[in-house]
N, C-alpha and C. Protein backbone atom coordinates (compact mmCIF):
# COMPACT_ATOMS: atom_id res chain seq x y z
N MET A 1 -1.71 -20.40 6.30
CA MET A 1 -1.73 -19.64 5.43
C MET A 1 -2.91 -19.69 4.63
N SER A 2 -3.46 -18.93 3.86
CA SER A 2 -4.70 -18.79 2.96
C SER A 2 -4.52 -19.66 1.70
N SER A 3 -5.47 -20.21 1.15
CA SER A 3 -5.49 -21.23 -0.13
C SER A 3 -5.17 -20.20 -1.32
N ARG A 4 -5.35 -18.95 -0.86
CA ARG A 4 -5.44 -17.92 -2.34
C ARG A 4 -4.06 -17.60 -2.78
N ASP A 5 -4.10 -18.03 -4.15
CA ASP A 5 -2.95 -17.78 -4.82
C ASP A 5 -2.05 -16.30 -4.59
N TRP A 6 -0.95 -16.37 -4.26
CA TRP A 6 -0.40 -14.90 -4.12
C TRP A 6 -0.44 -13.87 -5.00
N ILE A 7 -0.58 -14.21 -6.25
CA ILE A 7 -1.02 -13.15 -7.36
C ILE A 7 -2.48 -12.49 -6.76
N HIS A 8 -3.32 -13.16 -6.42
CA HIS A 8 -4.52 -12.63 -5.84
C HIS A 8 -3.95 -11.49 -4.85
N TRP A 9 -2.99 -11.78 -4.02
CA TRP A 9 -2.87 -11.17 -2.73
C TRP A 9 -2.25 -9.75 -3.36
N LEU A 10 -1.41 -10.04 -4.38
CA LEU A 10 -0.85 -8.99 -5.16
C LEU A 10 -1.71 -7.76 -5.51
N SER A 11 -2.82 -8.46 -6.49
CA SER A 11 -3.69 -7.57 -6.90
C SER A 11 -4.50 -6.94 -5.82
N ASP A 12 -4.65 -7.44 -4.80
CA ASP A 12 -5.22 -6.74 -3.56
C ASP A 12 -4.12 -5.29 -3.10
N ILE A 13 -2.91 -5.56 -3.38
CA ILE A 13 -2.02 -4.24 -3.17
C ILE A 13 -2.31 -3.30 -4.20
N VAL A 14 -2.43 -3.95 -5.28
CA VAL A 14 -2.65 -2.83 -6.50
C VAL A 14 -3.83 -1.97 -6.37
N ASP A 15 -5.06 -2.85 -6.05
CA ASP A 15 -6.22 -2.10 -5.76
C ASP A 15 -6.33 -1.12 -4.48
N ALA A 16 -5.54 -1.66 -3.39
CA ALA A 16 -5.33 -0.76 -2.27
C ALA A 16 -4.69 0.67 -2.88
N ILE A 17 -3.87 0.29 -3.47
CA ILE A 17 -2.89 1.81 -3.94
C ILE A 17 -3.73 2.18 -4.66
N GLN A 18 -4.53 1.84 -5.93
CA GLN A 18 -5.39 2.49 -6.63
C GLN A 18 -6.60 3.31 -5.72
N ASN A 19 -6.67 2.72 -4.84
CA ASN A 19 -8.07 3.56 -3.90
C ASN A 19 -7.22 4.49 -3.30
N VAL A 20 -6.15 4.74 -2.76
CA VAL A 20 -5.36 5.57 -2.17
C VAL A 20 -5.26 6.56 -3.05
N VAL A 21 -4.70 6.69 -4.15
CA VAL A 21 -4.54 7.75 -5.30
C VAL A 21 -5.85 7.97 -5.50
N GLU A 22 -6.88 7.29 -5.55
CA GLU A 22 -8.50 8.11 -5.88
C GLU A 22 -8.62 8.86 -4.73
N TYR A 23 -8.75 8.12 -3.61
CA TYR A 23 -9.01 9.06 -2.18
C TYR A 23 -8.39 10.30 -2.21
N THR A 24 -7.20 10.38 -2.59
CA THR A 24 -6.39 11.57 -2.24
C THR A 24 -6.35 12.63 -3.40
N ARG A 25 -6.91 12.33 -4.72
CA ARG A 25 -6.90 13.05 -5.81
C ARG A 25 -7.47 14.36 -5.53
N GLY A 26 -6.74 15.40 -5.83
CA GLY A 26 -7.44 16.59 -5.75
C GLY A 26 -7.27 17.37 -4.59
N MET A 27 -6.44 16.49 -3.80
CA MET A 27 -6.18 17.19 -2.39
C MET A 27 -4.87 17.69 -2.23
N ASP A 28 -4.89 19.06 -1.31
CA ASP A 28 -3.47 19.10 -0.71
C ASP A 28 -3.49 18.80 0.65
N PHE A 29 -2.24 18.62 1.23
CA PHE A 29 -1.96 18.09 2.58
C PHE A 29 -2.79 18.90 3.72
N GLU A 30 -3.25 19.97 3.48
CA GLU A 30 -3.81 20.73 4.66
C GLU A 30 -5.40 20.09 4.56
N SER A 31 -5.96 19.66 3.25
CA SER A 31 -7.57 19.48 3.23
C SER A 31 -7.31 17.89 3.53
N PHE A 32 -6.20 17.05 3.44
CA PHE A 32 -6.24 15.77 3.73
C PHE A 32 -6.07 15.65 5.45
N ALA A 33 -5.12 16.56 5.89
CA ALA A 33 -5.06 16.38 7.22
C ALA A 33 -6.31 16.79 7.98
N ASN A 34 -7.25 17.63 7.51
CA ASN A 34 -8.36 18.17 7.94
C ASN A 34 -9.61 17.43 7.63
N ASP A 35 -9.58 16.08 7.13
CA ASP A 35 -10.45 15.25 6.90
C ASP A 35 -10.25 13.77 7.34
N PRO A 36 -10.72 13.70 8.43
CA PRO A 36 -10.67 12.63 9.05
C PRO A 36 -10.89 11.29 8.34
N ARG A 37 -11.95 11.32 7.45
CA ARG A 37 -12.62 10.21 6.73
C ARG A 37 -11.70 9.76 5.72
N THR A 38 -11.03 10.48 4.93
CA THR A 38 -10.12 10.17 4.09
C THR A 38 -8.72 9.91 4.88
N LEU A 39 -8.18 10.55 5.87
CA LEU A 39 -7.15 9.98 6.52
C LEU A 39 -7.47 8.59 7.12
N HIS A 40 -8.40 8.29 7.35
CA HIS A 40 -8.80 6.99 7.79
C HIS A 40 -8.80 6.03 6.82
N ALA A 41 -9.53 6.33 6.02
CA ALA A 41 -9.61 5.49 4.56
C ALA A 41 -8.35 5.26 4.08
N VAL A 42 -7.42 6.05 4.15
CA VAL A 42 -6.18 5.80 3.59
C VAL A 42 -5.38 4.91 4.52
N VAL A 43 -5.41 5.12 5.88
CA VAL A 43 -4.71 4.26 6.85
C VAL A 43 -5.29 2.69 6.49
N TYR A 44 -6.47 2.77 6.48
CA TYR A 44 -7.10 1.15 6.34
C TYR A 44 -6.32 0.46 4.96
N CYS A 45 -6.23 1.29 4.04
CA CYS A 45 -5.75 0.69 2.60
C CYS A 45 -4.13 0.43 3.12
N PHE A 46 -3.57 0.96 3.77
CA PHE A 46 -2.08 0.72 4.41
C PHE A 46 -2.08 -0.56 5.00
N ILE A 47 -3.01 -0.85 5.89
CA ILE A 47 -2.93 -1.99 6.73
C ILE A 47 -3.43 -3.33 6.70
N SER A 48 -3.45 -3.65 5.14
CA SER A 48 -4.15 -4.79 4.76
C SER A 48 -3.20 -6.05 5.06
N ASN A 49 -1.62 -6.14 5.29
CA ASN A 49 -0.82 -6.81 5.40
C ASN A 49 -0.81 -8.03 4.35
N THR A 50 -1.28 -7.70 3.33
CA THR A 50 -1.26 -8.71 2.34
C THR A 50 0.33 -8.86 1.60
N GLU A 51 0.92 -8.17 1.78
CA GLU A 51 2.57 -8.19 1.55
C GLU A 51 3.06 -9.56 2.11
N ARG A 52 2.84 -9.72 3.03
CA ARG A 52 3.51 -11.31 3.71
C ARG A 52 2.76 -12.24 2.94
N HIS A 53 1.96 -12.31 1.87
CA HIS A 53 1.51 -13.48 1.42
C HIS A 53 2.40 -13.66 -0.04
N ILE A 54 3.25 -12.58 -0.40
CA ILE A 54 3.97 -12.81 -1.61
C ILE A 54 5.20 -13.50 -1.21
N PRO A 55 5.26 -14.77 -1.95
CA PRO A 55 6.60 -15.54 -1.57
C PRO A 55 7.91 -14.77 -1.68
N GLU A 56 8.78 -15.45 -0.81
CA GLU A 56 10.16 -14.63 -0.75
C GLU A 56 10.76 -14.60 -2.19
N GLU A 57 10.66 -15.65 -2.88
CA GLU A 57 11.37 -15.58 -4.07
C GLU A 57 10.89 -14.49 -5.14
N ILE A 58 9.44 -14.14 -4.91
CA ILE A 58 8.99 -13.24 -5.95
C ILE A 58 9.52 -11.89 -5.23
N GLN A 59 9.63 -11.84 -4.15
CA GLN A 59 10.02 -10.28 -3.26
C GLN A 59 11.48 -10.17 -3.74
N ASN A 60 12.45 -11.28 -3.91
CA ASN A 60 13.90 -11.15 -4.09
C ASN A 60 14.09 -11.08 -5.69
N LYS A 61 13.31 -11.42 -6.48
CA LYS A 61 13.03 -11.31 -7.99
C LYS A 61 13.04 -9.83 -8.47
N TYR A 62 12.12 -9.24 -7.41
CA TYR A 62 11.50 -7.97 -7.79
C TYR A 62 12.11 -6.80 -6.64
N PRO A 63 13.42 -6.72 -6.27
CA PRO A 63 14.30 -5.85 -5.09
C PRO A 63 13.51 -4.30 -5.42
N GLY A 64 13.36 -3.96 -6.41
CA GLY A 64 12.79 -2.70 -6.51
C GLY A 64 11.53 -2.14 -5.78
N ILE A 65 10.84 -3.03 -5.42
CA ILE A 65 9.49 -2.90 -4.69
C ILE A 65 9.93 -3.24 -3.21
N PRO A 66 9.73 -2.07 -2.46
CA PRO A 66 10.10 -1.72 -1.16
C PRO A 66 9.18 -2.60 -0.08
N TRP A 67 9.17 -4.03 -0.33
CA TRP A 67 8.37 -4.93 0.34
C TRP A 67 8.59 -4.60 2.18
N ASP A 68 9.87 -4.75 2.46
CA ASP A 68 9.95 -4.57 3.71
C ASP A 68 9.39 -3.11 4.18
N LYS A 69 9.45 -2.17 3.37
CA LYS A 69 8.94 -0.76 4.09
C LYS A 69 7.54 -0.71 3.93
N MET A 70 6.97 -1.66 2.91
CA MET A 70 5.28 -1.84 3.27
C MET A 70 4.77 -2.37 4.46
N ARG A 71 5.67 -3.39 4.61
CA ARG A 71 5.66 -4.37 6.06
C ARG A 71 5.82 -3.37 7.24
N GLY A 72 6.73 -2.49 7.18
CA GLY A 72 7.08 -1.98 8.33
C GLY A 72 5.94 -0.50 8.57
N MET A 73 5.52 -0.08 7.38
CA MET A 73 4.49 0.87 7.46
C MET A 73 3.14 0.26 7.80
N ARG A 74 2.98 -1.06 7.72
CA ARG A 74 1.62 -1.47 8.16
C ARG A 74 2.15 -1.70 9.42
N ASN A 75 3.05 -2.22 9.97
CA ASN A 75 3.01 -2.86 11.31
C ASN A 75 3.02 -1.26 12.27
N PHE A 76 3.80 -0.32 12.06
CA PHE A 76 3.87 0.99 12.78
C PHE A 76 2.27 1.46 12.79
N LEU A 77 1.42 1.63 11.58
CA LEU A 77 0.20 2.11 11.74
C LEU A 77 -0.62 1.16 12.68
N VAL A 78 -0.40 -0.04 12.71
CA VAL A 78 -1.09 -0.87 13.57
C VAL A 78 -0.98 -0.73 15.03
N HIS A 79 0.34 -0.91 15.13
CA HIS A 79 0.72 -0.85 16.56
C HIS A 79 0.92 0.62 17.20
N GLU A 80 0.88 1.64 16.33
CA GLU A 80 1.15 3.15 17.10
C GLU A 80 0.04 3.89 16.54
N TYR A 81 -1.04 3.44 16.14
CA TYR A 81 -2.36 4.13 15.59
C TYR A 81 -2.44 5.36 16.01
N PRO A 82 -2.53 5.68 17.41
CA PRO A 82 -2.94 6.90 18.22
C PRO A 82 -1.84 8.17 17.83
N TRP A 83 -0.77 7.44 17.52
CA TRP A 83 0.39 8.59 16.95
C TRP A 83 0.76 8.70 15.72
N ILE A 84 -0.33 8.35 14.89
CA ILE A 84 -0.05 8.41 13.51
C ILE A 84 0.28 9.91 13.14
N SER A 85 1.24 10.10 12.21
CA SER A 85 1.43 11.46 11.51
C SER A 85 0.66 11.89 10.14
N PRO A 86 -0.01 12.54 9.94
CA PRO A 86 -1.01 12.85 8.95
C PRO A 86 0.20 13.02 7.87
N ARG A 87 1.41 13.62 8.13
CA ARG A 87 2.17 14.28 7.16
C ARG A 87 2.90 12.86 6.46
N ILE A 88 3.53 11.92 7.38
CA ILE A 88 4.10 10.74 6.98
C ILE A 88 3.05 10.15 6.25
N VAL A 89 1.75 9.81 6.43
CA VAL A 89 0.43 9.22 5.66
C VAL A 89 0.37 9.96 4.36
N TRP A 90 0.32 11.05 4.25
CA TRP A 90 0.23 12.15 3.12
C TRP A 90 1.48 11.86 2.21
N GLU A 91 2.60 11.80 2.65
CA GLU A 91 3.72 11.84 1.95
C GLU A 91 4.21 10.33 1.20
N THR A 92 3.65 9.41 2.10
CA THR A 92 3.47 8.00 1.60
C THR A 92 2.50 8.06 0.38
N ALA A 93 1.27 8.27 0.81
CA ALA A 93 0.13 8.12 -0.19
C ALA A 93 0.40 8.91 -1.48
N THR A 94 1.17 9.91 -1.35
CA THR A 94 1.18 10.91 -2.63
C THR A 94 2.57 10.67 -3.47
N LYS A 95 3.41 10.36 -2.57
CA LYS A 95 4.85 10.17 -3.23
C LYS A 95 5.36 8.98 -3.55
N ASP A 96 5.10 7.83 -2.68
CA ASP A 96 5.79 6.96 -2.60
C ASP A 96 4.96 5.63 -3.19
N LEU A 97 3.60 6.05 -3.02
CA LEU A 97 2.65 4.72 -3.62
C LEU A 97 2.53 4.80 -5.02
N PRO A 98 2.07 5.97 -5.60
CA PRO A 98 1.67 6.28 -6.97
C PRO A 98 2.97 5.43 -7.95
N PRO A 99 4.12 5.32 -7.77
CA PRO A 99 5.12 5.08 -8.49
C PRO A 99 5.28 3.42 -8.55
N LEU A 100 4.50 2.95 -7.28
CA LEU A 100 4.68 1.39 -7.78
C LEU A 100 3.46 0.76 -8.02
N LEU A 101 2.39 1.33 -8.77
CA LEU A 101 1.15 0.94 -9.46
C LEU A 101 2.04 0.25 -10.82
N LYS A 102 2.93 1.11 -11.67
CA LYS A 102 3.34 0.13 -12.63
C LYS A 102 4.07 -1.17 -12.47
N PRO A 103 5.10 -1.04 -11.77
CA PRO A 103 5.77 -2.40 -11.62
C PRO A 103 4.98 -3.53 -10.85
N LEU A 104 3.93 -3.15 -9.78
CA LEU A 104 3.10 -4.22 -9.48
C LEU A 104 2.19 -4.96 -10.29
N ARG A 105 1.66 -3.78 -11.28
CA ARG A 105 1.03 -4.39 -12.35
C ARG A 105 1.56 -5.18 -13.25
N GLN A 106 3.17 -4.79 -13.68
CA GLN A 106 3.56 -5.86 -14.32
C GLN A 106 4.07 -7.21 -13.59
N ILE A 107 4.02 -7.04 -12.41
CA ILE A 107 4.34 -8.60 -12.02
C ILE A 107 3.30 -9.26 -12.00
N THR A 108 1.98 -8.51 -11.74
CA THR A 108 0.92 -9.37 -12.15
C THR A 108 0.52 -9.90 -13.29
N GLU A 109 0.93 -9.14 -14.33
CA GLU A 109 1.11 -9.58 -15.84
C GLU A 109 1.83 -10.80 -16.02
N ASP A 110 3.09 -10.42 -15.61
CA ASP A 110 4.36 -11.55 -15.90
C ASP A 110 3.87 -12.86 -15.29
N PHE A 111 2.77 -12.95 -14.14
CA PHE A 111 2.62 -14.41 -13.79
C PHE A 111 1.00 -14.73 -13.96
N GLU A 112 0.22 -13.85 -14.32
CA GLU A 112 -1.15 -14.56 -14.78
C GLU A 112 -1.31 -15.00 -16.00
N VAL A 113 -2.14 -16.08 -15.67
CA VAL A 113 -2.20 -17.37 -16.77
C VAL A 113 -3.47 -16.93 -17.39
């Protein structure tokens, strides 16, 4: 495992979600689905696999964060790339991710020194 501290990996997750929010700002599903650059950029943000670097005790302390779903989405996108549904990516990007920003930022604040 990398020598990077897990808090830096968590910051990477926050950065990726912020990027997804920025990339999709002002778009509707149709424009997103018809814009392969944005679709690919959002998918790229999902596949970082950084959540595996967050210690189990931290994940257990914050059960409101869908750690397993994050891992599952990443694995699906990596292994099933040709069959990606733009609708699922859109729904995840616009409905599931933005509410995670505040609690993830709070975790980083709780542990940064």
